[in-house]
Amino acid sequence: MKRILVATVSVGLIAMGLTVAPAQAAPPDATPVPRLLGFTPILKYVSCPAKEALPARTRCATLTVPLDWQKPKDGRTIKIALRITRSAQRDGALTFNPGGPGEPAIGIGPAVYSLLPAAVRDRFDFVVWDPRGVGLSGPALTDCPAAEGLAAPLVGPVDWRDFWDSQFAAFAKANSECLAANPNAAPYLGTWQVIRDLEAMRIALGYKQWNYWGMSYGTRIGHAYARTFPSSLRTLIMDGSLMAGETAFRFGTTFPSGVSVTKQVYASINGKAQAHKMNAIFDYLDRKVITIKGTQIDRWGLAQELRGLLGQQAQYPTIRKVVDALYRLVKAKTGAQKARAAHAVRNARALLPKTNDSTTTIRLINCADLPDRPTADQLAAASGAVARDFGTVFVMWMANASMCAGLPDDLSPPSPHGTDPIDLATPPIFVLSTGDAATPWAWGRSMANTFTGSRTISYTSTQHVTYLFAPSPCVNDTVTRYLLTLRRPSGDIACAFTPSPPLD
C-alpha cells in the first residue's frame, strides 16, 4: 500500500475567531501619493462590506501598484486590499503579516486587533492588508492544480530515491501547469515585490515609519524590508522567525531536527512519558496501519496532524488525549482492551481542529524567494541520515526542499535575506519558542544575529507565534513596552512556560 501525501509545510498563523464591533462604511474617494520607484500609487477609500464585523473607526481601501516593480511603467497594475483602523492619538501605525506564505490578513485582522493592549490601540493606527495574490488582493491565480503528491509506502522501509523521484514529478507537473496558466500572476508574488507594496502603502497612508510585526513567513518580509528600507521602520517585532541566508535545501533539510526538538520540549512540559509514547506509536506504525471503523491511521498522516497541533500550546490537552489513546491501542493485549482503546482514539481524534493550507500560493512565494533548486539525488542522500537519526516519518518534513520542481530559478528577483549586518535606529526584538513546531528556534537565532543589537525572547513552549497568542506576561509585557517606549531588554531573556486557559 502507498499513501498519496503532499507534505509542503505552511508556517502561517491560525488565529482565533473573535467578535468585534462593526464599523461604519467610509465613502469612496481617491488620494494620489508621492512617486515610488518610477510609479505613482493610488490610494482609494472604498465602502467596507456591510456584512463584515470591523472595529470602530475602520476604513477600507485599495492601493494600485505595478504588477511588476521591475517594470513599473509598463501599464500593468494590481490592487492591494487594506483596512485602516484609526487610533485616538494617531501616533504612527502598526501593521503585520500573518505568514503562510499566503495567509490573508484582512480576515483575521479584527481578531488580532482585539488582542492588542488598549495602550497600543489608542496610540497607533492598525493597518491590515492582504499581500499580493492573497485573499482580496490581486493578481488572482486560476487553474492551478494541486500536486498529486508523494507516493510513500504506508509501512516498512522506503526507497528514498523512488520517494523523491515521485515527489519531484508531482510538484514539477503541478507547478509547470500553474505557471503556464498564470503568466501575468505567478511570477509576481515573491517577497521582493511585496516589500515594495508595503513601502508604497506606508507612503500612501502618510506614515513616517511603520511599527511592523512579522509572524512566521512575515519575518522574511520584515527582514527583507529592513534591508531595503531601513529608515521606514520605527520598531520591528519578529515572531516565530525563519532563518537568515535561507535556501530551499536548508529550508527542507533542517526541518526534521527542529521537529525532533519540538517533541522534546512538548514532553518537558507535559511529562517525559509523552515522548516515550510517541516513539512507541510511530514504531508500531512503521510496521502496521491502524484501522478503526473504516478510518485509517498511518505514520504519515498522524505525523502531519501532531505537528500542526504542537504549534498551538492551547491544544496540549488534545495532543495528550490522542497520544494516550493511541498508546493504549498499540499496547493492548486483549480484544476488550483494543476495543476500549479504539473507542478512546475515536473520541480523541474527534477533537482535532481542521486545517486548510493554500499550498499553491505557499510554493510560488517560497520559490520566488529562494532561487536554489535541490535535486532528487541530494535529498535522497540526506534522507537516510534523517530517518536513522530521528525516525522514518521525519523525512516528510524535508518535502519543502522539492516544492520548487518545475519552476525556473529566476522566477522572481530573490528577496534580500543574507547574513550581512543590518543596523536599525531601534534594533528589533525576536520572539522565539524553544520548541517551535513550524519555525525552529535555531532559525530565528540565525536571523537575529543579522541585526546589530537585536534582542531575543526565548519562550519555553512549542507555540508558533507567541506575542499575545500565548498568555505569557514575560513575553507580552516586554514586547508591548518595546512598542510603546522603544525600550528593549538589556540582553537576551528566557521566559518560562505559561499554561493556556482551557479551550471552550
Protein backbone atom coordinates (compact mmCIF):
# COMPACT_ATOMS: atom_id res chain seq x y z
CA MET A 1 0.00 0.00 0.00
CA LYS A 2 1.06 3.58 -0.62
CA ARG A 3 -0.30 6.84 0.76
CA ILE A 4 -0.51 9.85 -1.53
CA LEU A 5 0.83 12.71 0.51
CA VAL A 6 1.90 16.29 -0.06
CA ALA A 7 3.97 17.50 2.86
CA THR A 8 4.51 21.12 1.95
CA VAL A 9 4.60 22.86 5.30
CA SER A 10 2.68 26.05 5.92
CA VAL A 11 4.22 28.23 8.58
CA GLY A 12 1.35 30.64 8.81
CA LEU A 13 -0.72 31.85 11.70
CA ILE A 14 -4.07 30.28 12.56
CA ALA A 15 -5.88 32.96 14.56
CA MET A 16 -8.83 32.53 16.87
CA GLY A 17 -12.20 33.81 15.66
CA LEU A 18 -13.16 36.70 17.93
CA THR A 19 -16.16 39.03 17.75
CA VAL A 20 -15.63 42.77 17.41
CA ALA A 21 -17.89 45.76 16.87
CA PRO A 22 -18.98 46.71 13.33
CA ALA A 23 -17.73 49.90 11.73
CA GLN A 24 -19.44 52.50 9.59
CA ALA A 25 -18.68 52.22 5.88
CA ALA A 26 -16.49 55.02 4.54
CA PRO A 27 -17.45 56.96 1.41
CA PRO A 28 -15.28 56.32 -1.66
CA ASP A 29 -12.56 58.79 -2.55
CA ALA A 30 -9.14 58.67 -4.20
CA THR A 31 -5.83 60.05 -2.99
CA PRO A 32 -2.72 60.42 -5.22
CA VAL A 33 0.53 59.84 -3.36
CA PRO A 34 4.23 60.56 -4.00
CA ARG A 35 6.03 58.57 -6.66
CA LEU A 36 7.88 55.44 -5.61
CA LEU A 37 10.42 53.71 -7.83
CA GLY A 38 9.00 55.25 -11.01
CA PHE A 39 5.32 54.74 -10.19
CA THR A 40 2.64 56.84 -8.51
CA PRO A 41 0.48 54.50 -6.39
CA ILE A 42 -3.16 55.47 -5.97
CA LEU A 43 -4.85 55.00 -2.60
CA LYS A 44 -8.63 54.80 -2.93
CA TYR A 45 -11.01 54.56 0.01
CA VAL A 46 -13.99 52.31 -0.65
CA SER A 47 -17.10 51.26 1.23
CA CYS A 48 -16.45 48.42 3.66
CA PRO A 49 -18.50 45.26 3.09
CA ALA A 50 -21.75 45.60 5.02
CA LYS A 51 -21.54 42.10 6.49
CA GLU A 52 -18.01 42.46 7.89
CA ALA A 53 -17.71 43.00 11.65
CA LEU A 54 -14.92 45.58 11.86
CA PRO A 55 -13.51 47.60 14.75
CA ALA A 56 -14.86 51.12 15.15
CA ARG A 57 -13.12 53.83 13.08
CA THR A 58 -12.11 51.32 10.38
CA ARG A 59 -11.88 52.41 6.75
CA CYS A 60 -11.43 50.10 3.77
CA ALA A 61 -9.20 50.96 0.83
CA THR A 62 -7.33 49.68 -2.18
CA LEU A 63 -3.84 50.65 -3.30
CA THR A 64 -2.99 50.46 -7.01
CA VAL A 65 0.62 49.37 -7.58
CA PRO A 66 2.56 47.89 -10.52
CA LEU A 67 2.15 44.22 -11.26
CA ASP A 68 5.94 44.13 -11.63
CA TRP A 69 8.04 46.65 -9.69
CA GLN A 70 10.91 45.85 -12.06
CA LYS A 71 8.85 47.41 -14.87
CA PRO A 72 6.65 49.95 -13.10
CA LYS A 73 5.76 51.87 -16.28
CA ASP A 74 4.55 49.00 -18.47
CA GLY A 75 0.88 49.72 -17.68
CA ARG A 76 0.10 46.51 -15.82
CA THR A 77 -1.27 47.15 -12.31
CA ILE A 78 -2.91 45.31 -9.43
CA LYS A 79 -4.92 46.39 -6.41
CA ILE A 80 -3.84 45.65 -2.84
CA ALA A 81 -6.73 45.47 -0.36
CA LEU A 82 -6.27 47.08 3.06
CA ARG A 83 -8.14 48.15 6.20
CA ILE A 84 -7.10 51.08 8.41
CA THR A 85 -8.40 51.31 11.98
CA ARG A 86 -7.71 54.80 13.27
CA SER A 87 -6.36 55.30 16.79
CA ALA A 88 -7.20 58.10 19.20
CA GLN A 89 -3.68 59.56 19.25
CA ARG A 90 -2.77 58.93 15.59
CA ASP A 91 0.92 58.49 16.55
CA GLY A 92 2.02 56.34 13.61
CA ALA A 93 0.86 52.86 12.66
CA LEU A 94 1.25 49.18 13.47
CA THR A 95 0.96 46.64 10.68
CA PHE A 96 1.58 42.89 10.49
CA ASN A 97 1.84 39.89 8.20
CA PRO A 98 0.40 36.57 9.47
CA GLY A 99 2.69 34.30 7.49
CA GLY A 100 1.96 31.29 5.32
CA PRO A 101 3.32 32.45 2.97
CA GLY A 102 -0.07 33.16 1.51
CA GLU A 103 -2.19 33.75 4.61
CA PRO A 104 -4.66 36.64 4.18
CA ALA A 105 -4.51 39.20 6.99
CA ILE A 106 -7.80 41.03 6.40
CA GLY A 107 -9.94 38.10 7.53
CA ILE A 108 -8.16 37.77 10.87
CA GLY A 109 -7.48 41.47 11.33
CA PRO A 110 -10.37 42.10 13.76
CA ALA A 111 -9.32 39.14 15.93
CA VAL A 112 -5.71 40.31 16.08
CA TYR A 113 -6.83 43.88 16.80
CA SER A 114 -8.93 42.66 19.73
CA LEU A 115 -5.84 41.06 21.29
CA LEU A 116 -3.79 44.27 21.22
CA PRO A 117 -3.33 46.07 24.55
CA ALA A 118 -5.53 49.16 24.88
CA ALA A 119 -2.47 51.42 25.04
CA VAL A 120 -1.30 50.12 21.65
CA ARG A 121 -4.77 50.51 20.06
CA ASP A 122 -5.06 54.05 21.42
CA ARG A 123 -1.68 55.16 20.15
CA PHE A 124 -1.18 53.52 16.75
CA ASP A 125 -3.40 53.16 13.72
CA PHE A 126 -3.76 49.47 12.86
CA VAL A 127 -3.23 48.65 9.18
CA VAL A 128 -4.27 45.24 7.83
CA TRP A 129 -3.60 44.17 4.24
CA ASP A 130 -3.70 41.07 2.09
CA PRO A 131 -0.37 40.61 0.29
CA ARG A 132 -0.43 40.42 -3.50
CA GLY A 133 -2.00 37.27 -4.84
CA VAL A 134 -3.64 36.52 -1.48
CA GLY A 135 -7.22 36.97 -0.29
CA LEU A 136 -8.71 40.19 -1.65
CA SER A 137 -5.53 41.43 -3.35
CA GLY A 138 -4.52 40.81 -6.97
CA PRO A 139 -3.27 39.19 -9.05
CA ALA A 140 -5.52 36.15 -8.73
CA LEU A 141 -4.25 32.66 -9.51
CA THR A 142 -6.53 30.41 -11.54
CA ASP A 143 -6.44 26.82 -12.79
CA CYS A 144 -3.56 25.78 -10.52
CA PRO A 145 -3.74 22.03 -9.87
CA ALA A 146 -2.78 20.56 -6.54
CA ALA A 147 0.31 18.39 -6.56
CA GLU A 148 -0.80 14.77 -6.82
CA GLY A 149 1.57 14.01 -4.05
CA LEU A 150 4.21 11.81 -2.63
CA ALA A 151 3.80 8.08 -3.15
CA ALA A 152 5.06 6.75 0.16
CA PRO A 153 4.61 3.21 1.47
CA LEU A 154 2.35 3.17 4.48
CA VAL A 155 4.56 0.70 6.32
CA GLY A 156 8.02 -0.78 6.07
CA PRO A 157 11.25 0.54 4.57
CA VAL A 158 11.25 3.30 1.98
CA ASP A 159 13.26 3.52 -1.23
CA TRP A 160 14.29 7.13 -0.81
CA ARG A 161 15.29 7.62 -4.42
CA ASP A 162 11.88 6.38 -5.60
CA PHE A 163 10.27 8.53 -2.92
CA TRP A 164 11.93 11.73 -4.16
CA ASP A 165 11.50 10.93 -7.86
CA SER A 166 7.76 10.70 -7.20
CA GLN A 167 7.76 13.91 -5.17
CA PHE A 168 9.66 15.88 -7.81
CA ALA A 169 7.45 14.61 -10.62
CA ALA A 170 4.27 15.62 -8.76
CA PHE A 171 5.47 19.13 -7.97
CA ALA A 172 7.01 19.68 -11.42
CA LYS A 173 3.72 18.82 -13.12
CA ALA A 174 1.59 21.00 -10.83
CA ASN A 175 3.97 23.94 -10.84
CA SER A 176 4.52 23.94 -14.60
CA GLU A 177 0.77 23.88 -15.27
CA CYS A 178 0.12 26.69 -12.78
CA LEU A 179 2.89 28.85 -14.23
CA ALA A 180 1.67 28.29 -17.79
CA ALA A 181 -1.93 29.16 -16.81
CA ASN A 182 -0.93 32.34 -14.94
CA PRO A 183 1.83 34.18 -16.83
CA ASN A 184 0.58 37.54 -15.50
CA ALA A 185 0.28 36.42 -11.88
CA ALA A 186 2.51 33.53 -10.82
CA PRO A 187 5.90 35.23 -11.45
CA TYR A 188 4.99 38.34 -9.41
CA LEU A 189 4.11 37.03 -5.95
CA GLY A 190 7.52 37.00 -4.24
CA THR A 191 8.74 38.98 -1.25
CA TRP A 192 10.86 41.24 -3.48
CA GLN A 193 7.58 42.60 -4.89
CA VAL A 194 5.72 42.54 -1.55
CA ILE A 195 8.15 44.79 0.33
CA ARG A 196 7.75 47.43 -2.37
CA ASP A 197 3.99 47.21 -2.00
CA LEU A 198 4.49 47.70 1.75
CA GLU A 199 6.64 50.79 1.21
CA ALA A 200 4.13 52.21 -1.26
CA MET A 201 1.41 51.65 1.33
CA ARG A 202 3.36 53.49 4.03
CA ILE A 203 3.90 56.48 1.76
CA ALA A 204 0.30 56.47 0.53
CA LEU A 205 -1.07 56.46 4.07
CA GLY A 206 1.27 59.25 5.12
CA TYR A 207 3.18 57.47 7.88
CA LYS A 208 6.77 58.50 8.52
CA GLN A 209 7.60 54.99 9.76
CA TRP A 210 5.98 51.63 10.42
CA ASN A 211 5.81 49.51 13.53
CA TYR A 212 5.98 46.11 11.84
CA TRP A 213 5.03 42.75 13.41
CA GLY A 214 6.16 39.80 11.31
CA MET A 215 4.66 36.41 12.13
CA SER A 216 6.30 33.28 10.73
CA TYR A 217 6.87 33.91 6.98
CA GLY A 218 6.09 37.53 7.83
CA THR A 219 9.56 37.65 9.38
CA ARG A 220 11.06 37.11 5.93
CA ILE A 221 9.12 40.17 4.78
CA GLY A 222 10.38 42.07 7.83
CA HIS A 223 13.97 41.03 7.18
CA ALA A 224 13.85 41.98 3.50
CA TYR A 225 12.05 45.24 4.25
CA ALA A 226 14.64 46.17 6.89
CA ARG A 227 17.46 45.53 4.41
CA THR A 228 15.79 47.56 1.67
CA PHE A 229 14.00 50.37 3.56
CA PRO A 230 15.71 50.54 6.99
CA SER A 231 14.68 54.14 7.71
CA SER A 232 11.00 53.21 7.28
CA LEU A 233 10.90 51.16 10.50
CA ARG A 234 10.28 52.54 13.98
CA THR A 235 10.09 49.10 15.62
CA LEU A 236 10.39 45.56 14.28
CA ILE A 237 8.88 42.52 16.04
CA MET A 238 9.94 39.17 14.59
CA ASP A 239 7.69 36.44 15.95
CA GLY A 240 8.41 32.79 15.04
CA SER A 241 11.24 33.62 12.68
CA LEU A 242 12.56 31.99 9.55
CA MET A 243 16.31 31.67 9.07
CA ALA A 244 18.83 34.07 7.57
CA GLY A 245 20.52 33.06 4.32
CA GLU A 246 17.68 30.62 3.71
CA THR A 247 17.70 28.27 0.73
CA ALA A 248 15.16 25.68 -0.37
CA PHE A 249 17.63 22.93 0.52
CA ARG A 250 18.24 24.26 4.02
CA PHE A 251 14.55 25.01 4.50
CA GLY A 252 13.76 21.35 3.98
CA THR A 253 16.74 19.54 5.47
CA THR A 254 16.87 21.49 8.75
CA PHE A 255 13.20 20.91 9.48
CA PRO A 256 13.45 17.31 10.79
CA SER A 257 15.84 18.23 13.60
CA GLY A 258 13.57 21.13 14.53
CA VAL A 259 10.52 18.87 14.78
CA SER A 260 12.57 16.49 16.95
CA VAL A 261 13.28 19.35 19.35
CA THR A 262 9.55 20.17 19.32
CA LYS A 263 8.76 16.69 20.62
CA GLN A 264 11.36 17.04 23.38
CA VAL A 265 10.11 20.45 24.52
CA TYR A 266 6.50 19.26 24.47
CA ALA A 267 7.46 16.29 26.65
CA SER A 268 9.42 18.50 29.06
CA ILE A 269 6.18 20.41 29.72
CA ASN A 270 3.66 17.58 29.58
CA GLY A 271 5.63 14.68 31.03
CA LYS A 272 8.51 12.62 29.68
CA ALA A 273 6.16 9.68 29.15
CA GLN A 274 4.61 11.59 26.23
CA ALA A 275 7.83 11.34 24.21
CA HIS A 276 8.12 7.64 25.03
CA LYS A 277 4.53 7.06 23.93
CA MET A 278 5.01 8.95 20.65
CA ASN A 279 8.09 6.86 19.87
CA ALA A 280 6.19 3.63 20.60
CA ILE A 281 3.24 4.69 18.42
CA PHE A 282 5.42 5.51 15.41
CA ASP A 283 7.48 2.34 15.87
CA TYR A 284 4.19 0.44 15.64
CA LEU A 285 3.03 2.43 12.60
CA ASP A 286 6.28 1.65 10.83
CA ARG A 287 5.04 -1.96 10.83
CA LYS A 288 1.26 -1.73 10.71
CA VAL A 289 -1.57 0.66 9.80
CA ILE A 290 -4.34 1.22 12.36
CA THR A 291 -7.91 0.96 11.04
CA ILE A 292 -10.86 1.91 13.25
CA LYS A 293 -14.36 1.64 11.77
CA GLY A 294 -13.08 2.35 8.27
CA THR A 295 -10.82 5.23 9.33
CA GLN A 296 -7.16 4.63 8.60
CA ILE A 297 -4.32 5.99 10.74
CA ASP A 298 -0.85 5.72 9.23
CA ARG A 299 2.52 7.15 10.16
CA TRP A 300 2.47 9.95 7.59
CA GLY A 301 -0.99 11.30 8.36
CA LEU A 302 -0.54 11.12 12.13
CA ALA A 303 2.81 12.92 11.96
CA GLN A 304 1.19 15.74 9.96
CA GLU A 305 -1.65 16.06 12.46
CA LEU A 306 0.55 16.10 15.54
CA ARG A 307 2.99 18.66 14.16
CA GLY A 308 0.13 21.03 13.41
CA LEU A 309 -1.28 20.60 16.92
CA LEU A 310 2.09 21.12 18.58
CA GLY A 311 2.31 24.64 17.17
CA GLN A 312 -0.61 25.68 19.37
CA GLN A 313 0.03 25.16 23.05
CA ALA A 314 -3.70 25.51 23.78
CA GLN A 315 -4.04 22.14 22.02
CA TYR A 316 -1.83 20.31 24.55
CA PRO A 317 -4.85 18.59 26.21
CA THR A 318 -5.99 17.29 22.82
CA ILE A 319 -2.50 16.07 21.97
CA ARG A 320 -2.29 14.19 25.28
CA LYS A 321 -5.67 12.54 24.68
CA VAL A 322 -4.70 11.42 21.17
CA VAL A 323 -1.26 10.15 22.23
CA ASP A 324 -2.52 8.38 25.36
CA ALA A 325 -5.35 6.67 23.49
CA LEU A 326 -3.15 5.52 20.62
CA TYR A 327 -0.51 4.27 23.02
CA ARG A 328 -3.10 2.17 24.86
CA LEU A 329 -4.24 0.79 21.50
CA VAL A 330 -0.79 -0.23 20.23
CA LYS A 331 0.00 -1.82 23.62
CA ALA A 332 -3.36 -3.59 24.04
CA LYS A 333 -3.12 -7.36 24.51
CA THR A 334 -6.74 -8.49 24.56
CA GLY A 335 -9.71 -7.85 22.33
CA ALA A 336 -11.51 -5.98 25.09
CA GLN A 337 -8.51 -3.72 25.69
CA LYS A 338 -8.25 -2.98 21.98
CA ALA A 339 -11.97 -2.16 21.74
CA ARG A 340 -11.83 0.28 24.67
CA ALA A 341 -8.66 1.90 23.32
CA ALA A 342 -10.12 2.20 19.82
CA HIS A 343 -13.18 3.97 21.26
CA ALA A 344 -10.87 6.39 23.12
CA VAL A 345 -8.93 7.05 19.91
CA ARG A 346 -12.13 7.92 18.03
CA ASN A 347 -13.21 10.31 20.75
CA ALA A 348 -9.80 11.98 20.95
CA ARG A 349 -9.44 12.41 17.18
CA ALA A 350 -12.89 14.00 17.02
CA LEU A 351 -11.32 16.96 18.86
CA LEU A 352 -8.69 17.57 16.17
CA PRO A 353 -9.04 21.01 14.52
CA LYS A 354 -9.38 21.18 10.76
CA THR A 355 -6.71 22.96 8.71
CA ASN A 356 -6.68 24.22 5.12
CA ASP A 357 -3.35 25.33 3.66
CA SER A 358 -3.10 27.31 0.40
CA THR A 359 -0.28 25.10 -0.83
CA THR A 360 -0.07 26.52 -4.37
CA THR A 361 0.46 30.08 -3.12
CA ILE A 362 2.89 28.82 -0.46
CA ARG A 363 5.01 27.14 -3.12
CA LEU A 364 5.03 30.03 -5.57
CA ILE A 365 6.01 32.63 -2.97
CA ASN A 366 8.68 30.46 -1.40
CA CYS A 367 10.10 29.56 -4.81
CA ALA A 368 10.12 33.19 -5.91
CA ASP A 369 12.15 33.99 -2.80
CA LEU A 370 14.54 31.02 -2.86
CA PRO A 371 16.36 30.61 -6.19
CA ASP A 372 18.13 27.29 -5.49
CA ARG A 373 16.60 24.11 -6.87
CA PRO A 374 17.77 21.00 -4.97
CA THR A 375 17.86 17.70 -6.83
CA ALA A 376 16.32 14.32 -6.06
CA ASP A 377 19.85 12.92 -5.66
CA GLN A 378 20.68 15.48 -2.97
CA LEU A 379 17.54 14.78 -0.98
CA ALA A 380 17.79 11.01 -1.34
CA ALA A 381 21.32 11.21 0.07
CA ALA A 382 20.10 13.22 3.08
CA SER A 383 17.05 11.05 3.76
CA GLY A 384 18.89 8.03 5.12
CA ALA A 385 20.60 10.08 7.82
CA VAL A 386 17.35 11.83 8.78
CA ALA A 387 15.47 8.51 9.05
CA ARG A 388 18.27 6.96 11.08
CA ASP A 389 18.67 9.90 13.46
CA PHE A 390 15.03 10.88 14.01
CA GLY A 391 12.71 8.25 12.51
CA THR A 392 11.22 7.42 9.11
CA VAL A 393 8.34 9.91 9.31
CA PHE A 394 10.72 12.82 9.83
CA VAL A 395 11.77 12.63 6.17
CA MET A 396 8.34 14.01 5.24
CA TRP A 397 9.43 17.37 6.70
CA MET A 398 12.09 17.60 4.00
CA ALA A 399 9.37 17.85 1.35
CA ASN A 400 9.73 21.64 1.26
CA ALA A 401 13.08 21.19 -0.44
CA SER A 402 11.39 19.68 -3.51
CA MET A 403 8.45 22.08 -3.83
CA CYS A 404 10.10 24.25 -6.50
CA ALA A 405 10.44 21.48 -9.08
CA GLY A 406 9.25 22.65 -12.48
CA LEU A 407 9.78 26.36 -11.70
CA PRO A 408 12.66 28.41 -13.14
CA ASP A 409 15.32 29.62 -10.72
CA ASP A 410 14.77 33.20 -11.93
CA LEU A 411 11.03 33.18 -11.24
CA SER A 412 11.42 36.49 -9.37
CA PRO A 413 14.22 38.68 -8.06
CA PRO A 414 15.24 36.84 -4.87
CA SER A 415 14.32 38.60 -1.66
CA PRO A 416 17.31 40.07 0.22
CA HIS A 417 17.75 37.60 3.06
CA GLY A 418 21.51 37.26 3.53
CA THR A 419 23.62 37.42 6.66
CA ASP A 420 25.32 40.81 6.32
CA PRO A 421 24.70 43.03 9.39
CA ILE A 422 21.66 45.33 9.43
CA ASP A 423 21.74 48.49 11.52
CA LEU A 424 18.36 49.92 12.50
CA ALA A 425 17.86 53.04 14.61
CA THR A 426 15.94 50.83 17.05
CA PRO A 427 17.09 47.20 16.76
CA PRO A 428 14.39 44.51 16.63
CA ILE A 429 13.02 42.09 19.18
CA PHE A 430 12.78 38.40 18.21
CA VAL A 431 10.17 36.25 19.95
CA LEU A 432 11.20 32.61 19.64
CA SER A 433 9.68 29.48 21.15
CA THR A 434 12.31 26.93 22.14
CA GLY A 435 10.30 24.09 20.58
CA ASP A 436 8.52 25.93 17.77
CA ALA A 437 6.92 23.30 15.55
CA ALA A 438 6.91 25.43 12.39
CA THR A 439 9.96 27.73 12.63
CA PRO A 440 12.64 26.10 14.80
CA TRP A 441 14.36 28.26 17.42
CA ALA A 442 17.71 27.98 15.63
CA TRP A 443 16.22 29.59 12.53
CA GLY A 444 15.22 32.71 14.44
CA ARG A 445 18.51 32.86 16.29
CA SER A 446 20.34 32.92 12.96
CA MET A 447 18.18 35.79 11.68
CA ALA A 448 18.51 37.71 14.95
CA ASN A 449 22.27 37.54 14.52
CA THR A 450 22.00 39.62 11.33
CA PHE A 451 20.64 42.65 13.23
CA THR A 452 23.12 44.70 15.23
CA GLY A 453 21.85 45.00 18.80
CA SER A 454 18.83 42.70 18.41
CA ARG A 455 17.29 41.02 21.46
CA THR A 456 15.73 37.58 21.64
CA ILE A 457 12.96 36.41 23.94
CA SER A 458 13.09 32.61 24.18
CA TYR A 459 9.79 31.19 25.42
CA THR A 460 9.68 27.62 26.72
CA SER A 461 6.89 26.17 24.58
CA THR A 462 6.12 24.68 21.19
CA GLN A 463 3.86 27.65 20.39
CA HIS A 464 4.21 29.08 16.90
CA VAL A 465 3.76 32.88 17.01
CA THR A 466 3.73 33.85 20.65
CA TYR A 467 3.16 37.57 21.28
CA LEU A 468 -0.45 37.88 22.50
CA PHE A 469 -1.22 34.30 21.34
CA ALA A 470 0.26 32.75 24.48
CA PRO A 471 -0.62 34.07 27.97
CA SER A 472 2.99 34.83 28.96
CA PRO A 473 3.39 38.16 30.81
CA CYS A 474 7.14 37.78 30.35
CA VAL A 475 6.74 37.83 26.56
CA ASN A 476 3.72 40.10 26.18
CA ASP A 477 4.76 42.84 28.60
CA THR A 478 8.28 43.02 27.17
CA VAL A 479 7.08 43.37 23.57
CA THR A 480 4.35 45.87 24.43
CA ARG A 481 6.83 48.04 26.33
CA TYR A 482 9.13 47.95 23.30
CA LEU A 483 6.29 49.04 21.01
CA LEU A 484 5.28 51.93 23.23
CA THR A 485 8.63 53.19 24.54
CA LEU A 486 11.36 51.66 22.30
CA ARG A 487 12.84 50.12 25.45
CA ARG A 488 14.41 46.72 24.91
CA PRO A 489 15.78 44.23 27.44
CA SER A 490 19.42 44.82 28.33
CA GLY A 491 20.19 41.36 26.96
CA ASP A 492 18.51 38.24 25.61
CA ILE A 493 15.93 36.83 28.02
CA ALA A 494 14.23 33.48 28.66
CA CYS A 495 10.56 33.18 29.60
CA ALA A 496 9.14 30.16 31.41
CA PHE A 497 6.11 28.30 30.11
CA THR A 498 2.72 29.81 30.97
CA PRO A 499 -0.23 27.43 30.53
CA SER A 500 -3.03 28.42 28.18
CA PRO A 501 -6.59 28.59 29.51
CA PRO A 502 -8.84 25.67 28.56
CA LEU A 503 -10.39 25.82 25.11
CA ASP A 504 -14.13 26.46 25.03
